[in-house]
PDB file of N, CA and C in Angstrom:
ATOM      1  N   MET A   1      75.407  85.328  84.355  1.00  0.00           N
ATOM      2  CA  MET A   1      75.437  86.711  85.154  1.00  0.00           C
ATOM      3  C   MET A   1      76.395  87.572  84.455  1.00  0.00           C
ATOM      4  N   ILE A   2      76.083  88.722  84.542  1.00  0.00           N
ATOM      5  CA  ILE A   2      76.963  90.075  83.691  1.00  0.00           C
ATOM      6  C   ILE A   2      77.852  90.528  84.933  1.00  0.00           C
ATOM      7  N   HIS A   3      78.958  90.603  84.823  1.00  0.00           N
ATOM      8  CA  HIS A   3      79.953  91.383  85.776  1.00  0.00           C
ATOM      9  C   HIS A   3      80.640  92.533  84.876  1.00  0.00           C
ATOM     10  N   ASN A   4      81.131  93.336  85.717  1.00  0.00           N
ATOM     11  CA  ASN A   4      81.748  94.577  84.992  1.00  0.00           C
ATOM     12  C   ASN A   4      83.357  94.650  85.469  1.00  0.00           C
ATOM     13  N   ILE A   5      84.429  94.880  84.666  1.00  0.00           N
ATOM     14  CA  ILE A   5      85.762  94.541  84.877  1.00  0.00           C
ATOM     15  C   ILE A   5      86.129  96.135  86.066  1.00  0.00           C
ATOM     16  N   PHE A   6      85.306  97.134  85.868  1.00  0.00           N
ATOM     17  CA  PHE A   6      85.710  98.317  86.522  1.00  0.00           C
ATOM     18  C   PHE A   6      85.127  98.237  87.839  1.00  0.00           C
ATOM     19  N   LYS A   7      84.120  97.378  88.081  1.00  0.00           N
ATOM     20  CA  LYS A   7      83.360  97.341  89.469  1.00  0.00           C
ATOM     21  C   LYS A   7      84.252  97.196  90.721  1.00  0.00           C
ATOM     22  N   ASN A   8      83.937  97.594  91.702  1.00  0.00           N
ATOM     23  CA  ASN A   8      84.959  97.189  93.038  1.00  0.00           C
ATOM     24  C   ASN A   8      86.520  97.312  92.895  1.00  0.00           C
ATOM     25  N   ILE A   9      86.564  98.473  92.394  1.00  0.00           N
ATOM     26  CA  ILE A   9      88.045  98.535  92.360  1.00  0.00           C
ATOM     27  C   ILE A   9      88.253  99.567  93.566  1.00  0.00           C
ATOM     28  N   GLN A  10      89.130  99.260  94.373  1.00  0.00           N
ATOM     29  CA  GLN A  10      89.642 100.140  95.542  1.00  0.00           C
ATOM     30  C   GLN A  10      90.182 101.312  94.916  1.00  0.00           C
ATOM     31  N   PRO A  11      90.048 102.679  95.574  1.00  0.00           N
ATOM     32  CA  PRO A  11      90.762 103.830  94.980  1.00  0.00           C
ATOM     33  C   PRO A  11      92.356 103.785  95.079  1.00  0.00           C
ATOM     34  N   THR A  12      92.681 103.111  96.306  1.00  0.00           N
ATOM     35  CA  THR A  12      94.150 103.492  96.477  1.00  0.00           C
ATOM     36  C   THR A  12      94.527 101.998  97.214  1.00  0.00           C
ATOM     37  N   SER A  13      95.681 101.589  97.068  1.00  0.00           N
ATOM     38  CA  SER A  13      96.258 100.475  97.686  1.00  0.00           C
ATOM     39  C   SER A  13      97.580 100.485  97.687  1.00  0.00           C
ATOM     40  N   SER A  14      98.348  99.927  98.935  1.00  0.00           N
ATOM     41  CA  SER A  14      99.779  99.985  98.909  1.00  0.00           C
ATOM     42  C   SER A  14     100.386  98.809  98.295  1.00  0.00           C
ATOM     43  N   GLN A  15      99.631  97.860  97.527  1.00  0.00           N
ATOM     44  CA  GLN A  15     100.056  96.809  96.870  1.00  0.00           C
ATOM     45  C   GLN A  15      99.302  96.640  95.569  1.00  0.00           C
ATOM     46  N   GLU A  16      99.820  95.851  94.733  1.00  0.00           N
ATOM     47  CA  GLU A  16      99.041  95.630  93.421  1.00  0.00           C
ATOM     48  C   GLU A  16      97.989  94.485  93.641  1.00  0.00           C
ATOM     49  N   LEU A  17      96.879  94.676  93.303  1.00  0.00           N
ATOM     50  CA  LEU A  17      95.644  93.549  93.433  1.00  0.00           C
ATOM     51  C   LEU A  17      95.245  92.925  92.183  1.00  0.00           C
ATOM     52  N   THR A  18      95.416  91.411  92.423  1.00  0.00           N
ATOM     53  CA  THR A  18      94.803  90.629  91.433  1.00  0.00           C
ATOM     54  C   THR A  18      93.482  89.800  91.784  1.00  0.00           C
ATOM     55  N   ASP A  19      92.506  89.858  90.624  1.00  0.00           N
ATOM     56  CA  ASP A  19      91.343  89.244  91.203  1.00  0.00           C
ATOM     57  C   ASP A  19      91.189  88.279  89.845  1.00  0.00           C
ATOM     58  N   VAL A  20      90.938  87.120  90.160  1.00  0.00           N
ATOM     59  CA  VAL A  20      90.716  85.987  89.162  1.00  0.00           C
ATOM     60  C   VAL A  20      89.389  86.044  88.862  1.00  0.00           C
ATOM     61  N   ILE A  21      89.223  86.074  87.193  1.00  0.00           N
ATOM     62  CA  ILE A  21      88.017  86.341  86.647  1.00  0.00           C
ATOM     63  C   ILE A  21      87.570  84.896  86.281  1.00  0.00           C
ATOM     64  N   LEU A  22      88.273  84.224  85.602  1.00  0.00           N
ATOM     65  CA  LEU A  22      88.312  82.878  85.270  1.00  0.00           C
ATOM     66  C   LEU A  22      89.551  81.847  85.298  1.00  0.00           C
ATOM     67  N   HIS A  23      88.990  80.682  85.790  1.00  0.00           N
ATOM     68  CA  HIS A  23      90.198  79.739  85.992  1.00  0.00           C
ATOM     69  C   HIS A  23      89.837  78.606  85.358  1.00  0.00           C
ATOM     70  N   GLU A  24      90.401  77.918  84.465  1.00  0.00           N
ATOM     71  CA  GLU A  24      90.039  76.575  83.890  1.00  0.00           C
ATOM     72  C   GLU A  24      91.303  75.740  83.712  1.00  0.00           C
ATOM     73  N   GLU A  25      91.312  74.532  83.252  1.00  0.00           N
ATOM     74  CA  GLU A  25      92.603  73.924  82.784  1.00  0.00           C
ATOM     75  C   GLU A  25      93.446  74.684  82.048  1.00  0.00           C
ATOM     76  N   ASN A  26      93.255  75.103  80.866  1.00  0.00           N
ATOM     77  CA  ASN A  26      94.081  75.737  80.014  1.00  0.00           C
ATOM     78  C   ASN A  26      94.174  77.378  80.035  1.00  0.00           C
ATOM     79  N   ILE A  27      93.114  78.153  80.728  1.00  0.00           N
ATOM     80  CA  ILE A  27      93.134  79.391  80.743  1.00  0.00           C
ATOM     81  C   ILE A  27      92.919  80.060  82.106  1.00  0.00           C
ATOM     82  N   HIS A  28      93.583  81.105  82.304  1.00  0.00           N
ATOM     83  CA  HIS A  28      93.359  81.714  83.548  1.00  0.00           C
ATOM     84  C   HIS A  28      93.510  83.471  83.193  1.00  0.00           C
ATOM     85  N   ILE A  29      92.472  83.895  83.461  1.00  0.00           N
ATOM     86  CA  ILE A  29      92.124  85.165  83.182  1.00  0.00           C
ATOM     87  C   ILE A  29      92.019  86.177  84.551  1.00  0.00           C
ATOM     88  N   GLU A  30      92.717  87.197  84.976  1.00  0.00           N
ATOM     89  CA  GLU A  30      92.829  87.901  85.966  1.00  0.00           C
ATOM     90  C   GLU A  30      92.512  89.392  85.302  1.00  0.00           C
ATOM     91  N   ARG A  31      92.128  90.252  86.699  1.00  0.00           N
ATOM     92  CA  ARG A  31      92.158  91.633  86.478  1.00  0.00           C
ATOM     93  C   ARG A  31      93.076  92.138  87.477  1.00  0.00           C
ATOM     94  N   ILE A  32      94.202  92.827  86.925  1.00  0.00           N
ATOM     95  CA  ILE A  32      95.106  93.399  87.814  1.00  0.00           C
ATOM     96  C   ILE A  32      94.883  94.733  87.917  1.00  0.00           C
ATOM     97  N   VAL A  33      95.026  95.422  89.175  1.00  0.00           N
ATOM     98  CA  VAL A  33      95.249  96.904  89.370  1.00  0.00           C
ATOM     99  C   VAL A  33      96.741  97.049  89.946  1.00  0.00           C
ATOM    100  N   SER A  34      97.307  98.079  89.535  1.00  0.00           N
ATOM    101  CA  SER A  34      98.853  98.276  89.833  1.00  0.00           C
ATOM    102  C   SER A  34      98.818  99.501  90.870  1.00  0.00           C
ATOM    103  N   TYR A  35      98.042 100.348  90.813  1.00  0.00           N
ATOM    104  CA  TYR A  35      98.168 101.453  91.795  1.00  0.00           C
ATOM    105  C   TYR A  35      99.427 102.277  91.676  1.00  0.00           C
ATOM    106  N   GLY A  36     100.050 102.134  90.707  1.00  0.00           N
ATOM    107  CA  GLY A  36     101.447 103.004  90.453  1.00  0.00           C
ATOM    108  C   GLY A  36     102.613 102.194  91.039  1.00  0.00           C
ATOM    109  N   ILE A  37     102.322 100.993  91.226  1.00  0.00           N
ATOM    110  CA  ILE A  37     103.582 100.031  91.769  1.00  0.00           C
ATOM    111  C   ILE A  37     104.098  99.373  90.650  1.00  0.00           C
ATOM    112  N   PRO A  38     105.376  99.765  90.389  1.00  0.00           N
ATOM    113  CA  PRO A  38     106.109  98.840  89.224  1.00  0.00           C
ATOM    114  C   PRO A  38     106.511  97.720  89.888  1.00  0.00           C
ATOM    115  N   THR A  39     107.364  96.691  88.885  1.00  0.00           N
ATOM    116  CA  THR A  39     107.927  95.373  89.549  1.00  0.00           C
ATOM    117  C   THR A  39     109.049  96.001  90.042  1.00  0.00           C
ATOM    118  N   ASP A  40     109.581  94.912  91.110  1.00  0.00           N
ATOM    119  CA  ASP A  40     110.892  95.472  92.052  1.00  0.00           C
ATOM    120  C   ASP A  40     111.999  95.301  90.600  1.00  0.00           C
ATOM    121  N   LYS A  41     112.898  96.108  90.817  1.00  0.00           N
ATOM    122  CA  LYS A  41     113.808  96.362  89.812  1.00  0.00           C
ATOM    123  C   LYS A  41     114.905  95.051  89.879  1.00  0.00           C
ATOM    124  N   GLU A  42     114.834  94.291  90.797  1.00  0.00           N
ATOM    125  CA  GLU A  42     115.766  93.058  90.739  1.00  0.00           C
ATOM    126  C   GLU A  42     114.810  91.749  90.385  1.00  0.00           C
ATOM    127  N   PHE A  43     113.575  91.846  90.296  1.00  0.00           N
ATOM    128  CA  PHE A  43     112.888  90.682  89.749  1.00  0.00           C
ATOM    129  C   PHE A  43     112.391  90.738  88.313  1.00  0.00           C
ATOM    130  N   TRP A  44     112.280  89.809  87.670  1.00  0.00           N
ATOM    131  CA  TRP A  44     111.716  89.431  86.295  1.00  0.00           C
ATOM    132  C   TRP A  44     110.895  88.365  86.536  1.00  0.00           C
ATOM    133  N   TYR A  45     109.634  88.594  85.878  1.00  0.00           N
ATOM    134  CA  TYR A  45     108.756  87.486  85.576  1.00  0.00           C
ATOM    135  C   TYR A  45     109.223  86.551  84.672  1.00  0.00           C
ATOM    136  N   ASN A  46     109.009  85.249  84.910  1.00  0.00           N
ATOM    137  CA  ASN A  46     109.381  84.235  84.096  1.00  0.00           C
ATOM    138  C   ASN A  46     108.348  82.941  84.236  1.00  0.00           C
ATOM    139  N   GLN A  47     107.046  83.240  83.492  1.00  0.00           N
ATOM    140  CA  GLN A  47     106.024  82.393  83.363  1.00  0.00           C
ATOM    141  C   GLN A  47     105.941  81.245  82.595  1.00  0.00           C
ATOM    142  N   LYS A  48     105.428  80.214  83.137  1.00  0.00           N
ATOM    143  CA  LYS A  48     105.317  78.983  82.418  1.00  0.00           C
ATOM    144  C   LYS A  48     104.325  78.998  81.327  1.00  0.00           C
ATOM    145  N   ASN A  49     103.343  79.818  81.359  1.00  0.00           N
ATOM    146  CA  ASN A  49     102.441  79.909  80.311  1.00  0.00           C
ATOM    147  C   ASN A  49     102.661  81.035  79.416  1.00  0.00           C
ATOM    148  N   SER A  50     102.025  81.154  78.219  1.00  0.00           N
ATOM    149  CA  SER A  50     101.941  82.300  77.510  1.00  0.00           C
ATOM    150  C   SER A  50     101.003  83.458  78.242  1.00  0.00           C
ATOM    151  N   GLU A  51     101.171  84.909  78.002  1.00  0.00           N
ATOM    152  CA  GLU A  51     100.097  85.649  78.426  1.00  0.00           C
ATOM    153  C   GLU A  51      99.879  86.736  77.231  1.00  0.00           C
ATOM    154  N   TRP A  52      98.669  87.117  77.157  1.00  0.00           N
ATOM    155  CA  TRP A  52      98.104  88.326  76.398  1.00  0.00           C
ATOM    156  C   TRP A  52      97.788  89.047  77.429  1.00  0.00           C
ATOM    157  N   VAL A  53      98.029  90.495  77.342  1.00  0.00           N
ATOM    158  CA  VAL A  53      97.608  91.436  78.399  1.00  0.00           C
ATOM    159  C   VAL A  53      97.119  92.753  77.521  1.00  0.00           C
ATOM    160  N   ILE A  54      95.857  93.304  78.195  1.00  0.00           N
ATOM    161  CA  ILE A  54      95.644  94.550  77.375  1.00  0.00           C
ATOM    162  C   ILE A  54      95.555  95.436  78.757  1.00  0.00           C
ATOM    163  N   LEU A  55      96.017  96.656  78.356  1.00  0.00           N
ATOM    164  CA  LEU A  55      95.933  97.898  79.456  1.00  0.00           C
ATOM    165  C   LEU A  55      94.602  98.584  79.351  1.00  0.00           C
ATOM    166  N   LEU A  56      93.725  98.518  80.327  1.00  0.00           N
ATOM    167  CA  LEU A  56      92.490  99.070  80.237  1.00  0.00           C
ATOM    168  C   LEU A  56      92.339 100.510  80.341  1.00  0.00           C
ATOM    169  N   THR A  57      93.312 100.856  81.441  1.00  0.00           N
ATOM    170  CA  THR A  57      93.261 102.434  81.874  1.00  0.00           C
ATOM    171  C   THR A  57      94.673 102.560  82.184  1.00  0.00           C
ATOM    172  N   GLY A  58      95.153 103.828  82.209  1.00  0.00           N
ATOM    173  CA  GLY A  58      96.442 104.128  82.623  1.00  0.00           C
ATOM    174  C   GLY A  58      97.541 104.028  81.622  1.00  0.00           C
ATOM    175  N   GLU A  59      98.840 104.347  81.794  1.00  0.00           N
ATOM    176  CA  GLU A  59      99.921 104.168  81.005  1.00  0.00           C
ATOM    177  C   GLU A  59     100.848 103.265  81.823  1.00  0.00           C
ATOM    178  N   ALA A  60     101.877 102.697  81.067  1.00  0.00           N
ATOM    179  CA  ALA A  60     102.679 101.625  81.636  1.00  0.00           C
ATOM    180  C   ALA A  60     103.769 101.473  80.610  1.00  0.00           C
ATOM    181  N   GLU A  61     104.783 100.732  81.371  1.00  0.00           N
ATOM    182  CA  GLU A  61     106.031 100.439  80.222  1.00  0.00           C
ATOM    183  C   GLU A  61     106.518  98.972  80.790  1.00  0.00           C
ATOM    184  N   ILE A  62     106.397  98.284  79.787  1.00  0.00           N
ATOM    185  CA  ILE A  62     107.110  96.836  79.978  1.00  0.00           C
ATOM    186  C   ILE A  62     108.265  96.604  79.533  1.00  0.00           C
ATOM    187  N   GLU A  63     109.182  96.075  80.194  1.00  0.00           N
ATOM    188  CA  GLU A  63     110.668  95.820  79.663  1.00  0.00           C
ATOM    189  C   GLU A  63     110.871  94.166  79.608  1.00  0.00           C
ATOM    190  N   PHE A  64     111.316  93.909  78.584  1.00  0.00           N
ATOM    191  CA  PHE A  64     111.829  92.485  78.300  1.00  0.00           C
ATOM    192  C   PHE A  64     113.229  92.291  78.849  1.00  0.00           C
ATOM    193  N   LYS A  65     113.597  91.273  79.386  1.00  0.00           N
ATOM    194  CA  LYS A  65     115.138  91.110  79.680  1.00  0.00           C
ATOM    195  C   LYS A  65     116.088  91.267  78.533  1.00  0.00           C
ATOM    196  N   ASP A  66     115.400  91.127  77.324  1.00  0.00           N
ATOM    197  CA  ASP A  66     116.486  91.434  76.244  1.00  0.00           C
ATOM    198  C   ASP A  66     116.710  92.974  75.630  1.00  0.00           C
ATOM    199  N   GLU A  67     116.099  93.683  76.857  1.00  0.00           N
ATOM    200  CA  GLU A  67     116.241  95.108  76.922  1.00  0.00           C
ATOM    201  C   GLU A  67     115.287  95.959  76.075  1.00  0.00           C
ATOM    202  N   SER A  68     114.396  95.093  75.188  1.00  0.00           N
ATOM    203  CA  SER A  68     113.029  95.893  74.535  1.00  0.00           C
ATOM    204  C   SER A  68     112.201  96.564  75.524  1.00  0.00           C
ATOM    205  N   LEU A  69     111.860  97.681  75.211  1.00  0.00           N
ATOM    206  CA  LEU A  69     110.726  98.352  75.871  1.00  0.00           C
ATOM    207  C   LEU A  69     109.509  98.529  75.316  1.00  0.00           C
ATOM    208  N   HIS A  70     108.531  98.528  75.891  1.00  0.00           N
ATOM    209  CA  HIS A  70     107.087  98.547  75.359  1.00  0.00           C
ATOM    210  C   HIS A  70     106.299  99.707  76.009  1.00  0.00           C
ATOM    211  N   GLN A  71     105.945 101.020  75.581  1.00  0.00           N
ATOM    212  CA  GLN A  71     105.182 101.686  76.206  1.00  0.00           C
ATOM    213  C   GLN A  71     103.772 101.506  75.797  1.00  0.00           C
ATOM    214  N   LEU A  72     103.131 101.390  76.795  1.00  0.00           N
ATOM    215  CA  LEU A  72     101.524 101.187  76.663  1.00  0.00           C
ATOM    216  C   LEU A  72     100.656 102.372  77.294  1.00  0.00           C
ATOM    217  N   LYS A  73      99.564 102.553  76.408  1.00  0.00           N
ATOM    218  CA  LYS A  73      98.488 103.517  77.051  1.00  0.00           C
ATOM    219  C   LYS A  73      97.138 102.517  76.903  1.00  0.00           C
ATOM    220  N   ALA A  74      96.140 103.350  77.264  1.00  0.00           N
ATOM    221  CA  ALA A  74      94.915 102.554  77.653  1.00  0.00           C
ATOM    222  C   ALA A  74      94.385 101.827  76.082  1.00  0.00           C
ATOM    223  N   GLY A  75      93.990 100.683  76.033  1.00  0.00           N
ATOM    224  CA  GLY A  75      93.761 100.102  74.766  1.00  0.00           C
ATOM    225  C   GLY A  75      94.928  99.311  74.251  1.00  0.00           C
ATOM    226  N   ASP A  76      96.050  99.499  74.563  1.00  0.00           N
ATOM    227  CA  ASP A  76      97.212  98.898  73.954  1.00  0.00           C
ATOM    228  C   ASP A  76      97.297  97.167  74.490  1.00  0.00           C
ATOM    229  N   TYR A  77      97.586  96.351  73.844  1.00  0.00           N
ATOM    230  CA  TYR A  77      97.775  95.149  74.140  1.00  0.00           C
ATOM    231  C   TYR A  77      99.060  94.481  73.694  1.00  0.00           C
ATOM    232  N   LEU A  78      99.528  93.280  74.556  1.00  0.00           N
ATOM    233  CA  LEU A  78     100.721  92.718  74.109  1.00  0.00           C
ATOM    234  C   LEU A  78     100.586  91.487  74.614  1.00  0.00           C
ATOM    235  N   PHE A  79     101.376  90.582  73.658  1.00  0.00           N
ATOM    236  CA  PHE A  79     101.604  89.145  73.720  1.00  0.00           C
ATOM    237  C   PHE A  79     102.975  88.743  74.456  1.00  0.00           C
ATOM    238  N   ILE A  80     103.093  88.226  75.387  1.00  0.00           N
ATOM    239  CA  ILE A  80     104.175  87.735  76.161  1.00  0.00           C
ATOM    240  C   ILE A  80     104.463  86.168  76.119  1.00  0.00           C
ATOM    241  N   PRO A  81     105.302  85.693  75.189  1.00  0.00           N
ATOM    242  CA  PRO A  81     105.573  84.272  75.118  1.00  0.00           C
ATOM    243  C   PRO A  81     105.922  83.609  76.678  1.00  0.00           C
ATOM    244  N   ALA A  82     105.674  82.338  76.654  1.00  0.00           N
ATOM    245  CA  ALA A  82     105.954  81.824  77.991  1.00  0.00           C
ATOM    246  C   ALA A  82     107.461  81.948  78.051  1.00  0.00           C
ATOM    247  N   HIS A  83     108.020  81.980  79.417  1.00  0.00           N
ATOM    248  CA  HIS A  83     109.473  82.037  79.612  1.00  0.00           C
ATOM    249  C   HIS A  83     109.955  83.427  79.017  1.00  0.00           C
ATOM    250  N   LYS A  84     109.520  84.311  78.658  1.00  0.00           N
ATOM    251  CA  LYS A  84     110.204  85.583  78.117  1.00  0.00           C
ATOM    252  C   LYS A  84     110.151  86.508  79.403  1.00  0.00           C
ATOM    253  N   GLU A  85     111.573  86.594  79.743  1.00  0.00           N
ATOM    254  CA  GLU A  85     111.395  87.119  81.002  1.00  0.00           C
ATOM    255  C   GLU A  85     111.081  88.650  80.728  1.00  0.00           C
ATOM    256  N   HIS A  86     110.065  89.392  81.944  1.00  0.00           N
ATOM    257  CA  HIS A  86     109.884  90.684  81.696  1.00  0.00           C
ATOM    258  C   HIS A  86     109.470  91.503  82.980  1.00  0.00           C
ATOM    259  N   ARG A  87     109.335  92.646  83.211  1.00  0.00           N
ATOM    260  CA  ARG A  87     109.009  93.257  84.144  1.00  0.00           C
ATOM    261  C   ARG A  87     108.012  94.589  83.884  1.00  0.00           C
ATOM    262  N   VAL A  88     107.474  95.054  84.914  1.00  0.00           N
ATOM    263  CA  VAL A  88     106.874  96.659  84.690  1.00  0.00           C
ATOM    264  C   VAL A  88     107.466  97.655  85.124  1.00  0.00           C
ATOM    265  N   ASN A  89     108.449  98.437  84.472  1.00  0.00           N
ATOM    266  CA  ASN A  89     109.121  99.450  84.934  1.00  0.00           C
ATOM    267  C   ASN A  89     108.356 100.662  85.404  1.00  0.00           C
ATOM    268  N   PHE A  90     107.355 100.972  84.760  1.00  0.00           N
ATOM    269  CA  PHE A  90     106.303 101.921  85.055  1.00  0.00           C
ATOM    270  C   PHE A  90     104.914 101.746  85.112  1.00  0.00           C
ATOM    271  N   CYS A  91     104.049 102.386  85.902  1.00  0.00           N
ATOM    272  CA  CYS A  91     102.573 102.422  85.622  1.00  0.00           C
ATOM    273  C   CYS A  91     102.186 103.428  86.494  1.00  0.00           C
ATOM    274  N   SER A  92     101.138 104.083  85.713  1.00  0.00           N
ATOM    275  CA  SER A  92     100.525 105.442  86.260  1.00  0.00           C
ATOM    276  C   SER A  92      99.794 104.947  87.599  1.00  0.00           C
ATOM    277  N   LYS A  93      99.689 106.064  88.349  1.00  0.00           N
ATOM    278  CA  LYS A  93      99.012 105.936  89.504  1.00  0.00           C
ATOM    279  C   LYS A  93      97.600 106.733  89.317  1.00  0.00           C
ATOM    280  N   GLU A  94      97.509 107.765  88.536  1.00  0.00           N
ATOM    281  CA  GLU A  94      96.262 108.464  88.167  1.00  0.00           C
ATOM    282  C   GLU A  94      96.235 108.864  86.531  1.00  0.00           C
ATOM    283  N   PRO A  95      95.376 107.934  86.056  1.00  0.00           N
ATOM    284  CA  PRO A  95      94.617 107.091  86.641  1.00  0.00           C
ATOM    285  C   PRO A  95      95.434 105.706  86.888  1.00  0.00           C
ATOM    286  N   ASN A  96      94.981 104.880  87.808  1.00  0.00           N
ATOM    287  CA  ASN A  96      95.637 103.652  88.035  1.00  0.00           C
ATOM    288  C   ASN A  96      95.379 102.783  86.811  1.00  0.00           C
ATOM    289  N   CYS A  97      96.510 101.873  86.824  1.00  0.00           N
ATOM    290  CA  CYS A  97      96.743 100.951  85.742  1.00  0.00           C
ATOM    291  C   CYS A  97      95.744  99.690  86.032  1.00  0.00           C
ATOM    292  N   VAL A  98      94.841  99.523  84.989  1.00  0.00           N
ATOM    293  CA  VAL A  98      93.920  98.320  85.104  1.00  0.00           C
ATOM    294  C   VAL A  98      94.179  97.470  84.054  1.00  0.00           C
ATOM    295  N   TRP A  99      94.453  96.306  84.267  1.00  0.00           N
ATOM    296  CA  TRP A  99      94.972  95.369  83.294  1.00  0.00           C
ATOM    297  C   TRP A  99      94.335  94.327  83.290  1.00  0.00           C
ATOM    298  N   LEU A 100      93.828  93.667  82.107  1.00  0.00           N
ATOM    299  CA  LEU A 100      93.104  92.299  82.033  1.00  0.00           C
ATOM    300  C   LEU A 100      94.200  91.377  81.406  1.00  0.00           C
ATOM    301  N   ALA A 101      94.441  90.298  82.146  1.00  0.00           N
ATOM    302  CA  ALA A 101      95.402  89.473  81.629  1.00  0.00           C
ATOM    303  C   ALA A 101      95.027  88.066  81.586  1.00  0.00           C
ATOM    304  N   VAL A 102      95.363  87.473  80.506  1.00  0.00           N
ATOM    305  CA  VAL A 102      94.912  86.123  79.995  1.00  0.00           C
ATOM    306  C   VAL A 102      96.104  85.305  79.772  1.00  0.00           C
ATOM    307  N   HIS A 103      96.152  84.160  80.648  1.00  0.00           N
ATOM    308  CA  HIS A 103      97.278  83.364  80.492  1.00  0.00           C
ATOM    309  C   HIS A 103      96.934  81.981  80.024  1.00  0.00           C
ATOM    310  N   PHE A 104      97.864  81.345  79.116  1.00  0.00           N
ATOM    311  CA  PHE A 104      97.397  80.266  78.461  1.00  0.00           C
ATOM    312  C   PHE A 104      98.443  79.408  77.991  1.00  0.00           C
TER     313      PHE A 104
END
């Protein structure tokens, strides 16, 4: 069955929405729509698995706890090693940030 990554995206939301596309033992793939909502300034993601993420639409800024900043625009992708603390400082609202995240 064919699916479309851009289908059924709500035009607005007061919270980031995550849809699981695939979940297997060693891989987890999700579509994330950020709606202009960055990570809370007091929070750092610290994931047990590595993550490869691509920004499909919008613009965003990811910060690593070592203070390196990464500006992303549609089509840019980034590898985040396991336990590399990070957060999203900015994500555009128009267009919304749509991400494809692969956790492995």
